[in-house]
Amino acid sequence: MVIGLAMNVAQVGFHFSTEKLSFNPGRLNPISGFG
């Protein structure tokens, strides 16, 4: 766990974002998903 966190911090610094976890109805679009 420590190594995994250290590698993430080494690449992009210590940043936490909930944007990827938020619900996006556009992701349910089969056409965009196929793309």
PDB file of all heavy atoms in Angstrom:
ATOM      1  N   MET A   1       0.827  -1.200   0.000  1.00  0.00           N
ATOM      2  CA  MET A   1       0.000   0.000   0.000  1.00  0.00           C
ATOM      3  C   MET A   1       0.867   1.258   0.000  1.00  0.00           C
ATOM      4  O   MET A   1       0.593   2.218  -0.743  1.00  0.00           O
ATOM      5  CB  MET A   1      -0.912  -0.001   1.232  1.00  0.00           C
ATOM      6  CG  MET A   1      -1.876   1.175   1.283  1.00  0.00           C
ATOM      7  SD  MET A   1      -2.987   1.100   2.696  1.00  0.00           S
ATOM      8  CE  MET A   1      -1.812   1.368   4.029  1.00  0.00           C
ATOM      9  N   VAL A   2       1.927   1.272   0.815  1.00  0.00           N
ATOM     10  CA  VAL A   2       2.818   2.432   0.873  1.00  0.00           C
ATOM     11  C   VAL A   2       3.503   2.652  -0.475  1.00  0.00           C
ATOM     12  O   VAL A   2       3.608   3.789  -0.959  1.00  0.00           O
ATOM     13  CB  VAL A   2       3.852   2.256   1.998  1.00  0.00           C
ATOM     14  CG1 VAL A   2       4.931   3.333   1.900  1.00  0.00           C
ATOM     15  CG2 VAL A   2       3.175   2.317   3.359  1.00  0.00           C
ATOM     16  N   ILE A   3       3.975   1.574  -1.095  1.00  0.00           N
ATOM     17  CA  ILE A   3       4.642   1.688  -2.402  1.00  0.00           C
ATOM     18  C   ILE A   3       3.670   2.209  -3.455  1.00  0.00           C
ATOM     19  O   ILE A   3       4.016   3.073  -4.278  1.00  0.00           O
ATOM     20  CB  ILE A   3       5.238   0.339  -2.826  1.00  0.00           C
ATOM     21  CG1 ILE A   3       6.401  -0.042  -1.911  1.00  0.00           C
ATOM     22  CG2 ILE A   3       5.703   0.385  -4.277  1.00  0.00           C
ATOM     23  CD1 ILE A   3       7.573   0.904  -1.966  1.00  0.00           C
ATOM     24  N   GLY A   4       2.426   1.684  -3.455  1.00  0.00           N
ATOM     25  CA  GLY A   4       1.436   2.152  -4.422  1.00  0.00           C
ATOM     26  C   GLY A   4       1.150   3.643  -4.286  1.00  0.00           C
ATOM     27  O   GLY A   4       1.091   4.376  -5.278  1.00  0.00           O
ATOM     28  N   LEU A   5       0.963   4.121  -3.037  1.00  0.00           N
ATOM     29  CA  LEU A   5       0.731   5.551  -2.810  1.00  0.00           C
ATOM     30  C   LEU A   5       1.948   6.382  -3.211  1.00  0.00           C
ATOM     31  O   LEU A   5       1.814   7.458  -3.805  1.00  0.00           O
ATOM     32  CB  LEU A   5       0.393   5.790  -1.337  1.00  0.00           C
ATOM     33  CG  LEU A   5      -0.980   5.295  -0.868  1.00  0.00           C
ATOM     34  CD1 LEU A   5      -1.107   5.462   0.646  1.00  0.00           C
ATOM     35  CD2 LEU A   5      -2.101   6.055  -1.567  1.00  0.00           C
ATOM     36  N   ALA A   6       3.135   5.883  -2.877  1.00  0.00           N
ATOM     37  CA  ALA A   6       4.362   6.619  -3.198  1.00  0.00           C
ATOM     38  C   ALA A   6       4.529   6.771  -4.709  1.00  0.00           C
ATOM     39  O   ALA A   6       4.958   7.830  -5.187  1.00  0.00           O
ATOM     40  CB  ALA A   6       5.573   5.909  -2.599  1.00  0.00           C
ATOM     41  N   MET A   7       4.187   5.750  -5.467  1.00  0.00           N
ATOM     42  CA  MET A   7       4.319   5.831  -6.923  1.00  0.00           C
ATOM     43  C   MET A   7       3.337   6.840  -7.518  1.00  0.00           C
ATOM     44  O   MET A   7       3.670   7.568  -8.452  1.00  0.00           O
ATOM     45  CB  MET A   7       4.097   4.452  -7.555  1.00  0.00           C
ATOM     46  CG  MET A   7       5.240   3.475  -7.319  1.00  0.00           C
ATOM     47  SD  MET A   7       6.819   4.096  -7.970  1.00  0.00           S
ATOM     48  CE  MET A   7       7.590   4.699  -6.465  1.00  0.00           C
ATOM     49  N   ASN A   8       2.123   6.877  -6.972  1.00  0.00           N
ATOM     50  CA  ASN A   8       1.154   7.878  -7.455  1.00  0.00           C
ATOM     51  C   ASN A   8       1.618   9.291  -7.146  1.00  0.00           C
ATOM     52  O   ASN A   8       1.535  10.189  -7.991  1.00  0.00           O
ATOM     53  CB  ASN A   8      -0.210   7.625  -6.804  1.00  0.00           C
ATOM     54  CG  ASN A   8      -1.028   6.594  -7.559  1.00  0.00           C
ATOM     55  OD1 ASN A   8      -1.320   6.746  -8.733  1.00  0.00           O
ATOM     56  ND2 ASN A   8      -1.382   5.519  -6.892  1.00  0.00           N
ATOM     57  N   VAL A   9       2.101   9.506  -5.928  1.00  0.00           N
ATOM     58  CA  VAL A   9       2.575  10.839  -5.545  1.00  0.00           C
ATOM     59  C   VAL A   9       3.788  11.235  -6.376  1.00  0.00           C
ATOM     60  O   VAL A   9       3.944  12.384  -6.782  1.00  0.00           O
ATOM     61  CB  VAL A   9       2.904  10.872  -4.039  1.00  0.00           C
ATOM     62  CG1 VAL A   9       3.572  12.191  -3.664  1.00  0.00           C
ATOM     63  CG2 VAL A   9       1.633  10.681  -3.218  1.00  0.00           C
ATOM     64  N   ALA A  10       4.676  10.259  -6.648  1.00  0.00           N
ATOM     65  CA  ALA A  10       5.878  10.553  -7.434  1.00  0.00           C
ATOM     66  C   ALA A  10       5.529  10.983  -8.853  1.00  0.00           C
ATOM     67  O   ALA A  10       6.236  11.803  -9.456  1.00  0.00           O
ATOM     68  CB  ALA A  10       6.789   9.332  -7.462  1.00  0.00           C
ATOM     69  N   GLN A  11       4.437  10.463  -9.393  1.00  0.00           N
ATOM     70  CA  GLN A  11       4.074  10.789 -10.773  1.00  0.00           C
ATOM     71  C   GLN A  11       3.339  12.121 -10.904  1.00  0.00           C
ATOM     72  O   GLN A  11       3.646  12.912 -11.799  1.00  0.00           O
ATOM     73  CB  GLN A  11       3.190   9.670 -11.352  1.00  0.00           C
ATOM     74  CG  GLN A  11       3.916   8.362 -11.585  1.00  0.00           C
ATOM     75  CD  GLN A  11       3.037   7.361 -12.311  1.00  0.00           C
ATOM     76  OE1 GLN A  11       2.778   7.486 -13.502  1.00  0.00           O
ATOM     77  NE2 GLN A  11       2.575   6.363 -11.595  1.00  0.00           N
ATOM     78  N   VAL A  12       2.373  12.368 -10.036  1.00  0.00           N
ATOM     79  CA  VAL A  12       1.518  13.551 -10.212  1.00  0.00           C
ATOM     80  C   VAL A  12       1.438  14.420  -8.972  1.00  0.00           C
ATOM     81  O   VAL A  12       0.706  15.414  -8.956  1.00  0.00           O
ATOM     82  CB  VAL A  12       0.085  13.124 -10.632  1.00  0.00           C
ATOM     83  CG1 VAL A  12       0.112  12.427 -11.959  1.00  0.00           C
ATOM     84  CG2 VAL A  12      -0.552  12.232  -9.562  1.00  0.00           C
ATOM     85  N   GLY A  13       2.178  14.085  -7.915  1.00  0.00           N
ATOM     86  CA  GLY A  13       2.061  14.854  -6.681  1.00  0.00           C
ATOM     87  C   GLY A  13       0.863  14.386  -5.866  1.00  0.00           C
ATOM     88  O   GLY A  13       0.126  13.473  -6.259  1.00  0.00           O
ATOM     89  N   PHE A  14       0.671  15.025  -4.732  1.00  0.00           N
ATOM     90  CA  PHE A  14      -0.423  14.631  -3.841  1.00  0.00           C
ATOM     91  C   PHE A  14      -1.679  15.410  -4.212  1.00  0.00           C
ATOM     92  O   PHE A  14      -1.871  16.553  -3.799  1.00  0.00           O
ATOM     93  CB  PHE A  14      -0.040  14.893  -2.376  1.00  0.00           C
ATOM     94  CG  PHE A  14      -1.021  14.302  -1.397  1.00  0.00           C
ATOM     95  CD1 PHE A  14      -1.013  12.952  -1.122  1.00  0.00           C
ATOM     96  CD2 PHE A  14      -1.968  15.106  -0.783  1.00  0.00           C
ATOM     97  CE1 PHE A  14      -1.920  12.403  -0.226  1.00  0.00           C
ATOM     98  CE2 PHE A  14      -2.885  14.564   0.107  1.00  0.00           C
ATOM     99  CZ  PHE A  14      -2.855  13.206   0.393  1.00  0.00           C
ATOM    100  N   HIS A  15      -2.525  14.803  -5.022  1.00  0.00           N
ATOM    101  CA  HIS A  15      -3.786  15.426  -5.444  1.00  0.00           C
ATOM    102  C   HIS A  15      -4.901  14.399  -5.330  1.00  0.00           C
ATOM    103  O   HIS A  15      -4.724  13.236  -5.693  1.00  0.00           O
ATOM    104  CB  HIS A  15      -3.698  15.924  -6.895  1.00  0.00           C
ATOM    105  CG  HIS A  15      -2.687  16.996  -7.088  1.00  0.00           C
ATOM    106  ND1 HIS A  15      -2.883  18.305  -6.704  1.00  0.00           N
ATOM    107  CD2 HIS A  15      -1.444  16.960  -7.631  1.00  0.00           C
ATOM    108  CE1 HIS A  15      -1.821  19.011  -6.989  1.00  0.00           C
ATOM    109  NE2 HIS A  15      -0.933  18.222  -7.553  1.00  0.00           N
ATOM    110  N   PHE A  16      -6.031  14.866  -4.815  1.00  0.00           N
ATOM    111  CA  PHE A  16      -7.197  13.988  -4.686  1.00  0.00           C
ATOM    112  C   PHE A  16      -8.369  14.616  -5.418  1.00  0.00           C
ATOM    113  O   PHE A  16      -8.700  15.779  -5.197  1.00  0.00           O
ATOM    114  CB  PHE A  16      -7.551  13.778  -3.213  1.00  0.00           C
ATOM    115  CG  PHE A  16      -8.732  12.857  -3.016  1.00  0.00           C
ATOM    116  CD1 PHE A  16      -8.602  11.497  -3.180  1.00  0.00           C
ATOM    117  CD2 PHE A  16      -9.977  13.381  -2.689  1.00  0.00           C
ATOM    118  CE1 PHE A  16      -9.689  10.651  -3.004  1.00  0.00           C
ATOM    119  CE2 PHE A  16     -11.071  12.547  -2.510  1.00  0.00           C
ATOM    120  CZ  PHE A  16     -10.921  11.169  -2.669  1.00  0.00           C
ATOM    121  N   SER A  17      -8.977  13.859  -6.313  1.00  0.00           N
ATOM    122  CA  SER A  17     -10.095  14.367  -7.102  1.00  0.00           C
ATOM    123  C   SER A  17     -11.232  13.352  -7.082  1.00  0.00           C
ATOM    124  O   SER A  17     -11.005  12.138  -7.212  1.00  0.00           O
ATOM    125  CB  SER A  17      -9.659  14.629  -8.549  1.00  0.00           C
ATOM    126  OG  SER A  17     -10.766  14.990  -9.344  1.00  0.00           O
ATOM    127  N   THR A  18     -12.450  13.866  -6.909  1.00  0.00           N
ATOM    128  CA  THR A  18     -13.642  13.010  -6.924  1.00  0.00           C
ATOM    129  C   THR A  18     -14.356  13.074  -8.276  1.00  0.00           C
ATOM    130  O   THR A  18     -15.436  12.510  -8.421  1.00  0.00           O
ATOM    131  CB  THR A  18     -14.617  13.440  -5.812  1.00  0.00           C
ATOM    132  OG1 THR A  18     -14.982  14.812  -6.016  1.00  0.00           O
ATOM    133  CG2 THR A  18     -13.957  13.299  -4.448  1.00  0.00           C
ATOM    134  N   GLU A  19     -13.738  13.758  -9.243  1.00  0.00           N
ATOM    135  CA  GLU A  19     -14.372  13.942 -10.552  1.00  0.00           C
ATOM    136  C   GLU A  19     -14.634  12.600 -11.225  1.00  0.00           C
ATOM    137  O   GLU A  19     -15.693  12.372 -11.810  1.00  0.00           O
ATOM    138  CB  GLU A  19     -13.485  14.815 -11.434  1.00  0.00           C
ATOM    139  CG  GLU A  19     -14.090  15.183 -12.786  1.00  0.00           C
ATOM    140  CD  GLU A  19     -15.128  16.274 -12.670  1.00  0.00           C
ATOM    141  OE1 GLU A  19     -15.146  16.969 -11.642  1.00  0.00           O
ATOM    142  OE2 GLU A  19     -15.925  16.420 -13.613  1.00  0.00           O
ATOM    143  N   LYS A  20     -13.651  11.692 -11.141  1.00  0.00           N
ATOM    144  CA  LYS A  20     -13.801  10.388 -11.782  1.00  0.00           C
ATOM    145  C   LYS A  20     -14.843   9.519 -11.088  1.00  0.00           C
ATOM    146  O   LYS A  20     -15.384   8.592 -11.696  1.00  0.00           O
ATOM    147  CB  LYS A  20     -12.452   9.657 -11.794  1.00  0.00           C
ATOM    148  CG  LYS A  20     -11.357  10.364 -12.589  1.00  0.00           C
ATOM    149  CD  LYS A  20     -11.614  10.308 -14.058  1.00  0.00           C
ATOM    150  CE  LYS A  20     -10.448  10.908 -14.857  1.00  0.00           C
ATOM    151  NZ  LYS A  20     -10.688  10.864 -16.309  1.00  0.00           N
ATOM    152  N   LEU A  21     -15.103   9.794  -9.802  1.00  0.00           N
ATOM    153  CA  LEU A  21     -16.058   8.986  -9.041  1.00  0.00           C
ATOM    154  C   LEU A  21     -17.489   9.483  -9.200  1.00  0.00           C
ATOM    155  O   LEU A  21     -18.428   8.761  -8.873  1.00  0.00           O
ATOM    156  CB  LEU A  21     -15.677   8.998  -7.553  1.00  0.00           C
ATOM    157  CG  LEU A  21     -14.273   8.504  -7.210  1.00  0.00           C
ATOM    158  CD1 LEU A  21     -14.025   8.629  -5.718  1.00  0.00           C
ATOM    159  CD2 LEU A  21     -14.087   7.050  -7.651  1.00  0.00           C
ATOM    160  N   SER A  22     -17.665  10.725  -9.671  1.00  0.00           N
ATOM    161  CA  SER A  22     -19.006  11.287  -9.794  1.00  0.00           C
ATOM    162  C   SER A  22     -19.761  10.626 -10.952  1.00  0.00           C
ATOM    163  O   SER A  22     -19.170  10.137 -11.918  1.00  0.00           O
ATOM    164  CB  SER A  22     -18.930  12.795 -10.024  1.00  0.00           C
ATOM    165  OG  SER A  22     -18.203  13.083 -11.202  1.00  0.00           O
ATOM    166  N   PHE A  23     -21.089  10.610 -10.807  1.00  0.00           N
ATOM    167  CA  PHE A  23     -21.936   9.984 -11.822  1.00  0.00           C
ATOM    168  C   PHE A  23     -22.051  10.882 -13.044  1.00  0.00           C
ATOM    169  O   PHE A  23     -22.371  12.064 -12.934  1.00  0.00           O
ATOM    170  CB  PHE A  23     -23.324   9.705 -11.247  1.00  0.00           C
ATOM    171  CG  PHE A  23     -24.292   9.133 -12.252  1.00  0.00           C
ATOM    172  CD1 PHE A  23     -24.150   7.834 -12.713  1.00  0.00           C
ATOM    173  CD2 PHE A  23     -25.327   9.912 -12.748  1.00  0.00           C
ATOM    174  CE1 PHE A  23     -25.034   7.320 -13.641  1.00  0.00           C
ATOM    175  CE2 PHE A  23     -26.214   9.402 -13.671  1.00  0.00           C
ATOM    176  CZ  PHE A  23     -26.068   8.099 -14.121  1.00  0.00           C
ATOM    177  N   ASN A  24     -21.785  10.307 -14.193  1.00  0.00           N
ATOM    178  CA  ASN A  24     -21.872  11.037 -15.454  1.00  0.00           C
ATOM    179  C   ASN A  24     -22.798  10.273 -16.393  1.00  0.00           C
ATOM    180  O   ASN A  24     -22.439   9.193 -16.879  1.00  0.00           O
ATOM    181  CB  ASN A  24     -20.483  11.193 -16.078  1.00  0.00           C
ATOM    182  CG  ASN A  24     -20.519  12.040 -17.344  1.00  0.00           C
ATOM    183  OD1 ASN A  24     -21.567  12.573 -17.715  1.00  0.00           O
ATOM    184  ND2 ASN A  24     -19.380  12.180 -17.996  1.00  0.00           N
ATOM    185  N   PRO A  25     -24.002  10.796 -16.663  1.00  0.00           N
ATOM    186  CA  PRO A  25     -24.934  10.070 -17.534  1.00  0.00           C
ATOM    187  C   PRO A  25     -24.372   9.816 -18.928  1.00  0.00           C
ATOM    188  O   PRO A  25     -24.760   8.857 -19.592  1.00  0.00           O
ATOM    189  CB  PRO A  25     -26.160  10.998 -17.603  1.00  0.00           C
ATOM    190  CG  PRO A  25     -26.052  11.876 -16.394  1.00  0.00           C
ATOM    191  CD  PRO A  25     -24.592  12.039 -16.146  1.00  0.00           C
ATOM    192  N   GLY A  26     -23.450  10.669 -19.355  1.00  0.00           N
ATOM    193  CA  GLY A  26     -22.875  10.486 -20.689  1.00  0.00           C
ATOM    194  C   GLY A  26     -22.116   9.181 -20.839  1.00  0.00           C
ATOM    195  O   GLY A  26     -21.953   8.655 -21.947  1.00  0.00           O
ATOM    196  N   ARG A  27     -21.631   8.642 -19.716  1.00  0.00           N
ATOM    197  CA  ARG A  27     -20.907   7.373 -19.785  1.00  0.00           C
ATOM    198  C   ARG A  27     -21.823   6.198 -20.115  1.00  0.00           C
ATOM    199  O   ARG A  27     -21.343   5.129 -20.489  1.00  0.00           O
ATOM    200  CB  ARG A  27     -20.196   7.115 -18.465  1.00  0.00           C
ATOM    201  CG  ARG A  27     -19.109   8.144 -18.136  1.00  0.00           C
ATOM    202  CD  ARG A  27     -18.550   7.919 -16.762  1.00  0.00           C
ATOM    203  NE  ARG A  27     -17.579   8.957 -16.403  1.00  0.00           N
ATOM    204  CZ  ARG A  27     -17.062   9.127 -15.198  1.00  0.00           C
ATOM    205  NH1 ARG A  27     -17.424   8.311 -14.216  1.00  0.00           N
ATOM    206  NH2 ARG A  27     -16.203  10.097 -14.962  1.00  0.00           N
ATOM    207  N   LEU A  28     -23.135   6.385 -19.917  1.00  0.00           N
ATOM    208  CA  LEU A  28     -24.093   5.318 -20.216  1.00  0.00           C
ATOM    209  C   LEU A  28     -24.495   5.311 -21.686  1.00  0.00           C
ATOM    210  O   LEU A  28     -25.218   4.413 -22.110  1.00  0.00           O
ATOM    211  CB  LEU A  28     -25.336   5.483 -19.337  1.00  0.00           C
ATOM    212  CG  LEU A  28     -25.092   5.489 -17.816  1.00  0.00           C
ATOM    213  CD1 LEU A  28     -26.403   5.706 -17.076  1.00  0.00           C
ATOM    214  CD2 LEU A  28     -24.432   4.193 -17.366  1.00  0.00           C
ATOM    215  N   ASN A  29     -24.050   6.302 -22.430  1.00  0.00           N
ATOM    216  CA  ASN A  29     -24.390   6.385 -23.848  1.00  0.00           C
ATOM    217  C   ASN A  29     -23.670   5.271 -24.606  1.00  0.00           C
ATOM    218  O   ASN A  29     -22.436   5.215 -24.632  1.00  0.00           O
ATOM    219  CB  ASN A  29     -23.961   7.752 -24.402  1.00  0.00           C
ATOM    220  CG  ASN A  29     -24.463   7.980 -25.812  1.00  0.00           C
ATOM    221  OD1 ASN A  29     -24.828   7.042 -26.526  1.00  0.00           O
ATOM    222  ND2 ASN A  29     -24.484   9.232 -26.223  1.00  0.00           N
ATOM    223  N   PRO A  30     -24.405   4.332 -25.227  1.00  0.00           N
ATOM    224  CA  PRO A  30     -23.745   3.210 -25.914  1.00  0.00           C
ATOM    225  C   PRO A  30     -22.898   3.648 -27.107  1.00  0.00           C
ATOM    226  O   PRO A  30     -21.895   3.016 -27.424  1.00  0.00           O
ATOM    227  CB  PRO A  30     -24.925   2.329 -26.359  1.00  0.00           C
ATOM    228  CG  PRO A  30     -26.112   3.255 -26.382  1.00  0.00           C
ATOM    229  CD  PRO A  30     -25.871   4.248 -25.303  1.00  0.00           C
ATOM    230  N   ILE A  31     -23.286   4.752 -27.745  1.00  0.00           N
ATOM    231  CA  ILE A  31     -22.526   5.207 -28.918  1.00  0.00           C
ATOM    232  C   ILE A  31     -21.153   5.707 -28.483  1.00  0.00           C
ATOM    233  O   ILE A  31     -20.125   5.332 -29.065  1.00  0.00           O
ATOM    234  CB  ILE A  31     -23.298   6.307 -29.668  1.00  0.00           C
ATOM    235  CG1 ILE A  31     -24.627   5.754 -30.198  1.00  0.00           C
ATOM    236  CG2 ILE A  31     -22.458   6.876 -30.809  1.00  0.00           C
ATOM    237  CD1 ILE A  31     -25.491   6.786 -30.873  1.00  0.00           C
ATOM    238  N   SER A  32     -21.127   6.562 -27.442  1.00  0.00           N
ATOM    239  CA  SER A  32     -19.839   7.052 -26.948  1.00  0.00           C
ATOM    240  C   SER A  32     -19.026   5.922 -26.332  1.00  0.00           C
ATOM    241  O   SER A  32     -17.798   5.891 -26.439  1.00  0.00           O
ATOM    242  CB  SER A  32     -20.057   8.164 -25.917  1.00  0.00           C
ATOM    243  OG  SER A  32     -20.821   7.690 -24.817  1.00  0.00           O
ATOM    244  N   GLY A  33     -19.717   4.969 -25.679  1.00  0.00           N
ATOM    245  CA  GLY A  33     -19.002   3.814 -25.133  1.00  0.00           C
ATOM    246  C   GLY A  33     -18.371   2.975 -26.221  1.00  0.00           C
ATOM    247  O   GLY A  33     -17.237   2.493 -26.079  1.00  0.00           O
ATOM    248  N   PHE A  34     -19.084   2.796 -27.322  1.00  0.00           N
ATOM    249  CA  PHE A  34     -18.534   2.056 -28.461  1.00  0.00           C
ATOM    250  C   PHE A  34     -17.322   2.786 -29.031  1.00  0.00           C
ATOM    251  O   PHE A  34     -16.332   2.157 -29.429  1.00  0.00           O
ATOM    252  CB  PHE A  34     -19.618   1.898 -29.522  1.00  0.00           C
ATOM    253  CG  PHE A  34     -19.225   0.998 -30.663  1.00  0.00           C
ATOM    254  CD1 PHE A  34     -19.246  -0.380 -30.526  1.00  0.00           C
ATOM    255  CD2 PHE A  34     -18.816   1.543 -31.875  1.00  0.00           C
ATOM    256  CE1 PHE A  34     -18.873  -1.197 -31.585  1.00  0.00           C
ATOM    257  CE2 PHE A  34     -18.451   0.736 -32.929  1.00  0.00           C
ATOM    258  CZ  PHE A  34     -18.481  -0.644 -32.781  1.00  0.00           C
ATOM    259  N   GLY A  35     -17.409   4.129 -29.051  1.00  0.00           N
ATOM    260  CA  GLY A  35     -16.276   4.916 -29.543  1.00  0.00           C
ATOM    261  C   GLY A  35     -15.058   4.775 -28.647  1.00  0.00           C
ATOM    262  O   GLY A  35     -13.920   4.727 -29.128  1.00  0.00           O
TER     263      GLY A  35
END
